[in-house]
PDB file of N, CA and C in Angstrom:
ATOM      1  N   MET A   1       4.319  -4.041  44.660  1.00  0.00           N
ATOM      2  CA  MET A   1       4.969  -3.655  43.428  1.00  0.00           C
ATOM      3  C   MET A   1       3.940  -2.968  42.545  1.00  0.00           C
ATOM      4  N   ARG A   2       4.297  -1.806  42.002  1.00  0.00           N
ATOM      5  CA  ARG A   2       3.407  -1.029  41.160  1.00  0.00           C
ATOM      6  C   ARG A   2       3.452  -1.544  39.718  1.00  0.00           C
ATOM      7  N   ALA A   3       2.278  -1.614  39.092  1.00  0.00           N
ATOM      8  CA  ALA A   3       2.217  -2.052  37.694  1.00  0.00           C
ATOM      9  C   ALA A   3       2.827  -0.976  36.808  1.00  0.00           C
ATOM     10  N   THR A   4       3.570  -1.399  35.821  1.00  0.00           N
ATOM     11  CA  THR A   4       4.203  -0.462  34.887  1.00  0.00           C
ATOM     12  C   THR A   4       3.258  -0.212  33.734  1.00  0.00           C
ATOM     13  N   ALA A   5       3.065   1.055  33.403  1.00  0.00           N
ATOM     14  CA  ALA A   5       2.210   1.398  32.269  1.00  0.00           C
ATOM     15  C   ALA A   5       2.845   0.913  30.976  1.00  0.00           C
ATOM     16  N   ASN A   6       2.007   0.529  30.068  1.00  0.00           N
ATOM     17  CA  ASN A   6       2.494   0.078  28.764  1.00  0.00           C
ATOM     18  C   ASN A   6       2.757   1.316  27.911  1.00  0.00           C
ATOM     19  N   ILE A   7       3.983   1.793  27.938  1.00  0.00           N
ATOM     20  CA  ILE A   7       4.371   3.005  27.220  1.00  0.00           C
ATOM     21  C   ILE A   7       4.958   2.611  25.877  1.00  0.00           C
ATOM     22  N   PRO A   8       4.359   3.143  24.776  1.00  0.00           N
ATOM     23  CA  PRO A   8       4.923   2.793  23.469  1.00  0.00           C
ATOM     24  C   PRO A   8       6.341   3.331  23.314  1.00  0.00           C
ATOM     25  N   GLN A   9       7.185   2.536  22.717  1.00  0.00           N
ATOM     26  CA  GLN A   9       8.572   2.932  22.466  1.00  0.00           C
ATOM     27  C   GLN A   9       8.665   3.609  21.103  1.00  0.00           C
ATOM     28  N   PRO A  10       9.577   4.578  20.957  1.00  0.00           N
ATOM     29  CA  PRO A  10       9.751   5.205  19.649  1.00  0.00           C
ATOM     30  C   PRO A  10      10.119   4.159  18.611  1.00  0.00           C
ATOM     31  N   ARG A  11       9.616   4.349  17.405  1.00  0.00           N
ATOM     32  CA  ARG A  11       9.918   3.408  16.337  1.00  0.00           C
ATOM     33  C   ARG A  11      10.560   4.146  15.173  1.00  0.00           C
ATOM     34  N   THR A  12      11.367   3.447  14.449  1.00  0.00           N
ATOM     35  CA  THR A  12      11.944   3.975  13.217  1.00  0.00           C
ATOM     36  C   THR A  12      11.615   2.975  12.133  1.00  0.00           C
ATOM     37  N   PRO A  13      11.763   3.374  10.888  1.00  0.00           N
ATOM     38  CA  PRO A  13      11.514   2.393   9.849  1.00  0.00           C
ATOM     39  C   PRO A  13      12.311   1.121  10.093  1.00  0.00           C
ATOM     40  N   ALA A  14      11.648   0.009   9.996  1.00  0.00           N
ATOM     41  CA  ALA A  14      12.307  -1.266  10.185  1.00  0.00           C
ATOM     42  C   ALA A  14      12.851  -1.713   8.842  1.00  0.00           C
ATOM     43  N   PRO A  15      13.851  -2.474   8.748  1.00  0.00           N
ATOM     44  CA  PRO A  15      14.654  -2.939   9.867  1.00  0.00           C
ATOM     45  C   PRO A  15      15.680  -1.901  10.293  1.00  0.00           C
ATOM     46  N   ARG A  16      16.037  -1.957  11.547  1.00  0.00           N
ATOM     47  CA  ARG A  16      17.087  -1.071  12.062  1.00  0.00           C
ATOM     48  C   ARG A  16      18.394  -1.453  11.379  1.00  0.00           C
ATOM     49  N   THR A  17      19.155  -0.455  11.027  1.00  0.00           N
ATOM     50  CA  THR A  17      20.412  -0.708  10.319  1.00  0.00           C
ATOM     51  C   THR A  17      21.599  -0.851  11.248  1.00  0.00           C
ATOM     52  N   GLY A  18      21.459  -0.363  12.482  1.00  0.00           N
ATOM     53  CA  GLY A  18      22.587  -0.357  13.390  1.00  0.00           C
ATOM     54  C   GLY A  18      23.492   0.840  13.168  1.00  0.00           C
ATOM     55  N   GLU A  19      23.135   1.698  12.225  1.00  0.00           N
ATOM     56  CA  GLU A  19      23.911   2.893  11.929  1.00  0.00           C
ATOM     57  C   GLU A  19      23.564   3.989  12.937  1.00  0.00           C
ATOM     58  N   PRO A  20      24.557   4.713  13.469  1.00  0.00           N
ATOM     59  CA  PRO A  20      24.276   5.740  14.472  1.00  0.00           C
ATOM     60  C   PRO A  20      23.400   6.876  13.963  1.00  0.00           C
ATOM     61  N   TRP A  21      23.449   7.194  12.672  1.00  0.00           N
ATOM     62  CA  TRP A  21      22.625   8.270  12.146  1.00  0.00           C
ATOM     63  C   TRP A  21      21.141   8.004  12.347  1.00  0.00           C
ATOM     64  N   GLN A  22      20.762   6.736  12.385  1.00  0.00           N
ATOM     65  CA  GLN A  22      19.341   6.394  12.463  1.00  0.00           C
ATOM     66  C   GLN A  22      18.698   6.898  13.759  1.00  0.00           C
ATOM     67  N   ASP A  23      19.483   7.050  14.803  1.00  0.00           N
ATOM     68  CA  ASP A  23      18.946   7.555  16.071  1.00  0.00           C
ATOM     69  C   ASP A  23      18.551   9.022  15.987  1.00  0.00           C
ATOM     70  N   HIS A  24      18.954   9.715  14.938  1.00  0.00           N
ATOM     71  CA  HIS A  24      18.675  11.138  14.803  1.00  0.00           C
ATOM     72  C   HIS A  24      17.634  11.430  13.728  1.00  0.00           C
ATOM     73  N   GLY A  25      17.033  10.393  13.168  1.00  0.00           N
ATOM     74  CA  GLY A  25      16.073  10.570  12.090  1.00  0.00           C
ATOM     75  C   GLY A  25      14.773  11.224  12.541  1.00  0.00           C
ATOM     76  N   ALA A  26      14.195  12.017  11.656  1.00  0.00           N
ATOM     77  CA  ALA A  26      12.892  12.628  11.919  1.00  0.00           C
ATOM     78  C   ALA A  26      11.810  11.557  12.035  1.00  0.00           C
ATOM     79  N   CYS A  27      12.101  10.366  11.573  1.00  0.00           N
ATOM     80  CA  CYS A  27      11.136   9.262  11.623  1.00  0.00           C
ATOM     81  C   CYS A  27      11.032   8.633  13.014  1.00  0.00           C
ATOM     82  N   ARG A  28      11.930   8.996  13.910  1.00  0.00           N
ATOM     83  CA  ARG A  28      11.871   8.458  15.277  1.00  0.00           C
ATOM     84  C   ARG A  28      10.517   8.798  15.876  1.00  0.00           C
ATOM     85  N   GLY A  29       9.829   7.807  16.375  1.00  0.00           N
ATOM     86  CA  GLY A  29       8.535   8.016  16.997  1.00  0.00           C
ATOM     87  C   GLY A  29       7.373   7.965  16.022  1.00  0.00           C
ATOM     88  N   VAL A  30       7.664   7.884  14.727  1.00  0.00           N
ATOM     89  CA  VAL A  30       6.612   7.794  13.723  1.00  0.00           C
ATOM     90  C   VAL A  30       6.380   6.309  13.441  1.00  0.00           C
ATOM     91  N   PRO A  31       5.126   5.870  13.410  1.00  0.00           N
ATOM     92  CA  PRO A  31       4.877   4.449  13.134  1.00  0.00           C
ATOM     93  C   PRO A  31       5.495   4.008  11.806  1.00  0.00           C
ATOM     94  N   SER A  32       6.128   2.863  11.819  1.00  0.00           N
ATOM     95  CA  SER A  32       6.798   2.368  10.613  1.00  0.00           C
ATOM     96  C   SER A  32       5.816   2.151   9.463  1.00  0.00           C
ATOM     97  N   GLU A  33       4.541   1.989   9.766  1.00  0.00           N
ATOM     98  CA  GLU A  33       3.530   1.797   8.728  1.00  0.00           C
ATOM     99  C   GLU A  33       3.455   2.993   7.774  1.00  0.00           C
ATOM    100  N   LYS A  34       3.927   4.143   8.232  1.00  0.00           N
ATOM    101  CA  LYS A  34       3.932   5.326   7.360  1.00  0.00           C
ATOM    102  C   LYS A  34       4.975   5.171   6.256  1.00  0.00           C
ATOM    103  N   PHE A  35       6.015   4.402   6.494  1.00  0.00           N
ATOM    104  CA  PHE A  35       7.121   4.275   5.553  1.00  0.00           C
ATOM    105  C   PHE A  35       7.095   2.988   4.739  1.00  0.00           C
ATOM    106  N   PHE A  36       6.308   2.014   5.170  1.00  0.00           N
ATOM    107  CA  PHE A  36       6.273   0.714   4.512  1.00  0.00           C
ATOM    108  C   PHE A  36       4.858   0.360   4.116  1.00  0.00           C
ATOM    109  N   SER A  37       4.696  -0.059   2.888  1.00  0.00           N
ATOM    110  CA  SER A  37       3.398  -0.355   2.306  1.00  0.00           C
ATOM    111  C   SER A  37       2.782  -1.623   2.886  1.00  0.00           C
ATOM    112  N   PRO A  38       1.522  -1.524   3.342  1.00  0.00           N
ATOM    113  CA  PRO A  38       0.838  -2.749   3.743  1.00  0.00           C
ATOM    114  C   PRO A  38       0.490  -3.570   2.499  1.00  0.00           C
ATOM    115  N   ASP A  39       0.189  -4.837   2.696  1.00  0.00           N
ATOM    116  CA  ASP A  39      -0.185  -5.699   1.571  1.00  0.00           C
ATOM    117  C   ASP A  39      -1.358  -5.091   0.810  1.00  0.00           C
ATOM    118  N   ASN A  40      -1.283  -5.178  -0.494  1.00  0.00           N
ATOM    119  CA  ASN A  40      -2.354  -4.749  -1.392  1.00  0.00           C
ATOM    120  C   ASN A  40      -2.651  -3.251  -1.372  1.00  0.00           C
ATOM    121  N   GLU A  41      -1.755  -2.436  -0.884  1.00  0.00           N
ATOM    122  CA  GLU A  41      -1.977  -0.989  -0.910  1.00  0.00           C
ATOM    123  C   GLU A  41      -1.803  -0.489  -2.345  1.00  0.00           C
ATOM    124  N   ARG A  42      -2.757   0.300  -2.806  1.00  0.00           N
ATOM    125  CA  ARG A  42      -2.725   0.791  -4.181  1.00  0.00           C
ATOM    126  C   ARG A  42      -3.265   2.223  -4.244  1.00  0.00           C
ATOM    127  N   GLY A  43      -3.078   2.819  -5.409  1.00  0.00           N
ATOM    128  CA  GLY A  43      -3.734   4.066  -5.762  1.00  0.00           C
ATOM    129  C   GLY A  43      -3.549   5.207  -4.796  1.00  0.00           C
ATOM    130  N   ARG A  44      -4.653   5.897  -4.530  1.00  0.00           N
ATOM    131  CA  ARG A  44      -4.608   7.097  -3.696  1.00  0.00           C
ATOM    132  C   ARG A  44      -4.137   6.830  -2.281  1.00  0.00           C
ATOM    133  N   ALA A  45      -4.503   5.677  -1.724  1.00  0.00           N
ATOM    134  CA  ALA A  45      -4.055   5.362  -0.360  1.00  0.00           C
ATOM    135  C   ALA A  45      -2.530   5.285  -0.321  1.00  0.00           C
ATOM    136  N   ARG A  46      -1.949   4.641  -1.299  1.00  0.00           N
ATOM    137  CA  ARG A  46      -0.484   4.552  -1.367  1.00  0.00           C
ATOM    138  C   ARG A  46       0.117   5.937  -1.593  1.00  0.00           C
ATOM    139  N   ASP A  47      -0.439   6.687  -2.522  1.00  0.00           N
ATOM    140  CA  ASP A  47       0.074   8.027  -2.813  1.00  0.00           C
ATOM    141  C   ASP A  47       0.062   8.910  -1.567  1.00  0.00           C
ATOM    142  N   ARG A  48      -1.026   8.849  -0.788  1.00  0.00           N
ATOM    143  CA  ARG A  48      -1.120   9.655   0.438  1.00  0.00           C
ATOM    144  C   ARG A  48      -0.077   9.233   1.463  1.00  0.00           C
ATOM    145  N   ARG A  49       0.102   7.910   1.636  1.00  0.00           N
ATOM    146  CA  ARG A  49       1.083   7.422   2.609  1.00  0.00           C
ATOM    147  C   ARG A  49       2.493   7.819   2.196  1.00  0.00           C
ATOM    148  N   VAL A  50       2.815   7.653   0.926  1.00  0.00           N
ATOM    149  CA  VAL A  50       4.148   8.000   0.420  1.00  0.00           C
ATOM    150  C   VAL A  50       4.412   9.493   0.604  1.00  0.00           C
ATOM    151  N   LEU A  51       3.435  10.329   0.270  1.00  0.00           N
ATOM    152  CA  LEU A  51       3.612  11.764   0.442  1.00  0.00           C
ATOM    153  C   LEU A  51       3.832  12.118   1.908  1.00  0.00           C
ATOM    154  N   ALA A  52       3.052  11.521   2.796  1.00  0.00           N
ATOM    155  CA  ALA A  52       3.209  11.792   4.235  1.00  0.00           C
ATOM    156  C   ALA A  52       4.600  11.378   4.716  1.00  0.00           C
ATOM    157  N   ALA A  53       5.084  10.231   4.251  1.00  0.00           N
ATOM    158  CA  ALA A  53       6.426   9.771   4.641  1.00  0.00           C
ATOM    159  C   ALA A  53       7.496  10.715   4.104  1.00  0.00           C
ATOM    160  N   LYS A  54       7.351  11.141   2.855  1.00  0.00           N
ATOM    161  CA  LYS A  54       8.339  12.041   2.254  1.00  0.00           C
ATOM    162  C   LYS A  54       8.352  13.398   2.947  1.00  0.00           C
ATOM    163  N   LEU A  55       7.225  13.833   3.477  1.00  0.00           N
ATOM    164  CA  LEU A  55       7.193  15.083   4.238  1.00  0.00           C
ATOM    165  C   LEU A  55       7.994  14.956   5.527  1.00  0.00           C
ATOM    166  N   VAL A  56       7.948  13.778   6.148  1.00  0.00           N
ATOM    167  CA  VAL A  56       8.781  13.533   7.330  1.00  0.00           C
ATOM    168  C   VAL A  56      10.251  13.592   6.922  1.00  0.00           C
ATOM    169  N   CYS A  57      10.574  12.932   5.826  1.00  0.00           N
ATOM    170  CA  CYS A  57      11.958  12.904   5.348  1.00  0.00           C
ATOM    171  C   CYS A  57      12.463  14.305   4.994  1.00  0.00           C
ATOM    172  N   ALA A  58      11.596  15.136   4.461  1.00  0.00           N
ATOM    173  CA  ALA A  58      12.010  16.469   4.012  1.00  0.00           C
ATOM    174  C   ALA A  58      12.561  17.317   5.153  1.00  0.00           C
ATOM    175  N   ARG A  59      12.151  17.041   6.378  1.00  0.00           N
ATOM    176  CA  ARG A  59      12.644  17.820   7.517  1.00  0.00           C
ATOM    177  C   ARG A  59      13.698  17.051   8.327  1.00  0.00           C
ATOM    178  N   CYS A  60      14.206  15.982   7.766  1.00  0.00           N
ATOM    179  CA  CYS A  60      15.106  15.097   8.499  1.00  0.00           C
ATOM    180  C   CYS A  60      16.562  15.564   8.432  1.00  0.00           C
ATOM    181  N   PRO A  61      17.227  15.631   9.594  1.00  0.00           N
ATOM    182  CA  PRO A  61      18.638  16.044   9.600  1.00  0.00           C
ATOM    183  C   PRO A  61      19.594  14.971   9.073  1.00  0.00           C
ATOM    184  N   VAL A  62      19.117  13.739   8.927  1.00  0.00           N
ATOM    185  CA  VAL A  62      19.993  12.665   8.437  1.00  0.00           C
ATOM    186  C   VAL A  62      19.462  12.062   7.135  1.00  0.00           C
ATOM    187  N   LEU A  63      18.796  12.880   6.341  1.00  0.00           N
ATOM    188  CA  LEU A  63      18.238  12.414   5.074  1.00  0.00           C
ATOM    189  C   LEU A  63      19.314  11.798   4.182  1.00  0.00           C
ATOM    190  N   ARG A  64      20.444  12.464   4.038  1.00  0.00           N
ATOM    191  CA  ARG A  64      21.498  11.987   3.129  1.00  0.00           C
ATOM    192  C   ARG A  64      22.069  10.628   3.543  1.00  0.00           C
ATOM    193  N   PRO A  65      22.464  10.418   4.807  1.00  0.00           N
ATOM    194  CA  PRO A  65      22.991   9.091   5.135  1.00  0.00           C
ATOM    195  C   PRO A  65      21.922   7.998   5.037  1.00  0.00           C
ATOM    196  N   CYS A  66      20.683   8.353   5.300  1.00  0.00           N
ATOM    197  CA  CYS A  66      19.590   7.381   5.166  1.00  0.00           C
ATOM    198  C   CYS A  66      19.430   6.980   3.701  1.00  0.00           C
ATOM    199  N   ARG A  67      19.410   7.973   2.831  1.00  0.00           N
ATOM    200  CA  ARG A  67      19.288   7.723   1.390  1.00  0.00           C
ATOM    201  C   ARG A  67      20.486   6.927   0.895  1.00  0.00           C
ATOM    202  N   ASP A  68      21.681   7.321   1.302  1.00  0.00           N
ATOM    203  CA  ASP A  68      22.887   6.618   0.867  1.00  0.00           C
ATOM    204  C   ASP A  68      22.857   5.158   1.295  1.00  0.00           C
ATOM    205  N   HIS A  69      22.436   4.915   2.527  1.00  0.00           N
ATOM    206  CA  HIS A  69      22.337   3.542   3.020  1.00  0.00           C
ATOM    207  C   HIS A  69      21.390   2.731   2.143  1.00  0.00           C
ATOM    208  N   ALA A  70      20.214   3.276   1.870  1.00  0.00           N
ATOM    209  CA  ALA A  70      19.212   2.548   1.084  1.00  0.00           C
ATOM    210  C   ALA A  70      19.701   2.265  -0.331  1.00  0.00           C
ATOM    211  N   LEU A  71      20.422   3.201  -0.907  1.00  0.00           N
ATOM    212  CA  LEU A  71      20.958   2.984  -2.247  1.00  0.00           C
ATOM    213  C   LEU A  71      22.101   1.975  -2.241  1.00  0.00           C
ATOM    214  N   ARG A  72      22.994   2.087  -1.267  1.00  0.00           N
ATOM    215  CA  ARG A  72      24.146   1.175  -1.174  1.00  0.00           C
ATOM    216  C   ARG A  72      23.711  -0.258  -0.950  1.00  0.00           C
ATOM    217  N   THR A  73      22.673  -0.441  -0.139  1.00  0.00           N
ATOM    218  CA  THR A  73      22.245  -1.793   0.215  1.00  0.00           C
ATOM    219  C   THR A  73      21.106  -2.302  -0.656  1.00  0.00           C
ATOM    220  N   ALA A  74      20.702  -1.500  -1.649  1.00  0.00           N
ATOM    221  CA  ALA A  74      19.589  -1.852  -2.543  1.00  0.00           C
ATOM    222  C   ALA A  74      18.340  -2.211  -1.731  1.00  0.00           C
ATOM    223  N   GLU A  75      18.038  -1.380  -0.748  1.00  0.00           N
ATOM    224  CA  GLU A  75      16.861  -1.589   0.105  1.00  0.00           C
ATOM    225  C   GLU A  75      15.624  -1.725  -0.785  1.00  0.00           C
ATOM    226  N   PRO A  76      14.934  -2.874  -0.729  1.00  0.00           N
ATOM    227  CA  PRO A  76      13.834  -3.114  -1.661  1.00  0.00           C
ATOM    228  C   PRO A  76      12.473  -2.566  -1.225  1.00  0.00           C
ATOM    229  N   HIS A  77      12.342  -2.145   0.014  1.00  0.00           N
ATOM    230  CA  HIS A  77      11.020  -1.761   0.516  1.00  0.00           C
ATOM    231  C   HIS A  77      11.056  -0.418   1.225  1.00  0.00           C
ATOM    232  N   GLY A  78       9.955   0.290   1.167  1.00  0.00           N
ATOM    233  CA  GLY A  78       9.746   1.463   1.991  1.00  0.00           C
ATOM    234  C   GLY A  78      10.330   2.755   1.461  1.00  0.00           C
ATOM    235  N   ILE A  79      10.071   3.801   2.237  1.00  0.00           N
ATOM    236  CA  ILE A  79      10.600   5.136   1.965  1.00  0.00           C
ATOM    237  C   ILE A  79      11.850   5.298   2.815  1.00  0.00           C
ATOM    238  N   TRP A  80      12.960   5.572   2.167  1.00  0.00           N
ATOM    239  CA  TRP A  80      14.245   5.793   2.843  1.00  0.00           C
ATOM    240  C   TRP A  80      14.870   7.033   2.243  1.00  0.00           C
ATOM    241  N   GLY A  81      15.268   7.965   3.064  1.00  0.00           N
ATOM    242  CA  GLY A  81      15.926   9.165   2.565  1.00  0.00           C
ATOM    243  C   GLY A  81      15.075   9.949   1.577  1.00  0.00           C
ATOM    244  N   GLY A  82      13.764   9.888   1.753  1.00  0.00           N
ATOM    245  CA  GLY A  82      12.851  10.628   0.891  1.00  0.00           C
ATOM    246  C   GLY A  82      12.593   9.999  -0.463  1.00  0.00           C
ATOM    247  N   LEU A  83      13.077   8.774  -0.666  1.00  0.00           N
ATOM    248  CA  LEU A  83      12.882   8.086  -1.942  1.00  0.00           C
ATOM    249  C   LEU A  83      12.067   6.816  -1.745  1.00  0.00           C
ATOM    250  N   ASP A  84      11.172   6.552  -2.691  1.00  0.00           N
ATOM    251  CA  ASP A  84      10.432   5.290  -2.640  1.00  0.00           C
ATOM    252  C   ASP A  84      11.197   4.212  -3.411  1.00  0.00           C
ATOM    253  N   GLU A  85      10.644   3.024  -3.441  1.00  0.00           N
ATOM    254  CA  GLU A  85      11.319   1.882  -4.069  1.00  0.00           C
ATOM    255  C   GLU A  85      11.642   2.146  -5.541  1.00  0.00           C
ATOM    256  N   ARG A  86      10.677   2.696  -6.270  1.00  0.00           N
ATOM    257  CA  ARG A  86      10.867   2.955  -7.694  1.00  0.00           C
ATOM    258  C   ARG A  86      11.962   3.998  -7.927  1.00  0.00           C
ATOM    259  N   GLU A  87      11.950   5.056  -7.141  1.00  0.00           N
ATOM    260  CA  GLU A  87      12.963   6.104  -7.296  1.00  0.00           C
ATOM    261  C   GLU A  87      14.364   5.572  -7.019  1.00  0.00           C
ATOM    262  N   ARG A  88      14.490   4.734  -5.991  1.00  0.00           N
ATOM    263  CA  ARG A  88      15.811   4.148  -5.695  1.00  0.00           C
ATOM    264  C   ARG A  88      16.252   3.218  -6.807  1.00  0.00           C
ATOM    265  N   ALA A  89      15.321   2.425  -7.338  1.00  0.00           N
ATOM    266  CA  ALA A  89      15.658   1.510  -8.431  1.00  0.00           C
ATOM    267  C   ALA A  89      16.124   2.286  -9.661  1.00  0.00           C
ATOM    268  N   GLU A  90      15.479   3.410  -9.958  1.00  0.00           N
ATOM    269  CA  GLU A  90      15.881   4.230 -11.101  1.00  0.00           C
ATOM    270  C   GLU A  90      17.287   4.798 -10.909  1.00  0.00           C
ATOM    271  N   LEU A  91      17.580   5.269  -9.709  1.00  0.00           N
ATOM    272  CA  LEU A  91      18.930   5.792  -9.444  1.00  0.00           C
ATOM    273  C   LEU A  91      19.977   4.694  -9.564  1.00  0.00           C
ATOM    274  N   ARG A  92      19.674   3.510  -9.033  1.00  0.00           N
ATOM    275  CA  ARG A  92      20.620   2.396  -9.144  1.00  0.00           C
ATOM    276  C   ARG A  92      20.828   2.004 -10.606  1.00  0.00           C
ATOM    277  N   ALA A  93      19.751   2.000 -11.383  1.00  0.00           N
ATOM    278  CA  ALA A  93      19.849   1.632 -12.800  1.00  0.00           C
ATOM    279  C   ALA A  93      20.720   2.618 -13.570  1.00  0.00           C
ATOM    280  N   ARG A  94      20.705   3.869 -13.158  1.00  0.00           N
ATOM    281  CA  ARG A  94      21.545   4.895 -13.807  1.00  0.00           C
ATOM    282  C   ARG A  94      22.959   4.904 -13.249  1.00  0.00           C
ATOM    283  N   GLY A  95      23.205   4.074 -12.235  1.00  0.00           N
ATOM    284  CA  GLY A  95      24.532   4.042 -11.635  1.00  0.00           C
ATOM    285  C   GLY A  95      24.757   5.161 -10.644  1.00  0.00           C
ATOM    286  N   THR A  96      23.676   5.766 -10.153  1.00  0.00           N
ATOM    287  CA  THR A  96      23.774   6.884  -9.212  1.00  0.00           C
ATOM    288  C   THR A  96      23.647   6.343  -7.800  1.00  0.00           C
ATOM    289  N   THR A  97      24.710   5.745  -7.313  1.00  0.00           N
ATOM    290  CA  THR A  97      24.720   5.215  -5.956  1.00  0.00           C
ATOM    291  C   THR A  97      25.969   5.705  -5.243  1.00  0.00           C
ATOM    292  N   PRO A  98      25.860   5.895  -3.938  1.00  0.00           N
ATOM    293  CA  PRO A  98      27.033   6.342  -3.174  1.00  0.00           C
ATOM    294  C   PRO A  98      28.079   5.248  -3.077  1.00  0.00           C
ATOM    295  N   ALA A  99      29.307   5.662  -2.940  1.00  0.00           N
ATOM    296  CA  ALA A  99      30.400   4.710  -2.763  1.00  0.00           C
ATOM    297  C   ALA A  99      30.296   4.076  -1.379  1.00  0.00           C
ATOM    298  N   ALA A 100      30.676   2.829  -1.287  1.00  0.00           N
ATOM    299  CA  ALA A 100      30.717   2.156   0.009  1.00  0.00           C
ATOM    300  C   ALA A 100      31.816   2.780   0.847  1.00  0.00           C
ATOM    301  N   HIS A 101      31.602   2.808   2.169  1.00  0.00           N
ATOM    302  CA  HIS A 101      32.646   3.369   3.044  1.00  0.00           C
ATOM    303  C   HIS A 101      33.116   2.390   4.043  1.00  0.00           C
TER     304      HIS A 101
END
């Protein structure tokens, strides 16, 4: 029996939502660490990671459903649909959230 190589599997921002749009995200294959802040991340390191994640989102064909999901579910962590936690909280506070479907 031949040994199987340890091939990394594509990753998407965790947690998986179970939504079919997520399989088409530009984030597929990008380490989730790009979208979610490690403990104690601050300042320029955070700014660089957030910008890199938003650049991935900017070319994403499913940006809108990803953003809508994060707003509808009040996702508390990470970059979703090109928005960080603070941006999503501001939109929710203004009542700018998509209708549930």
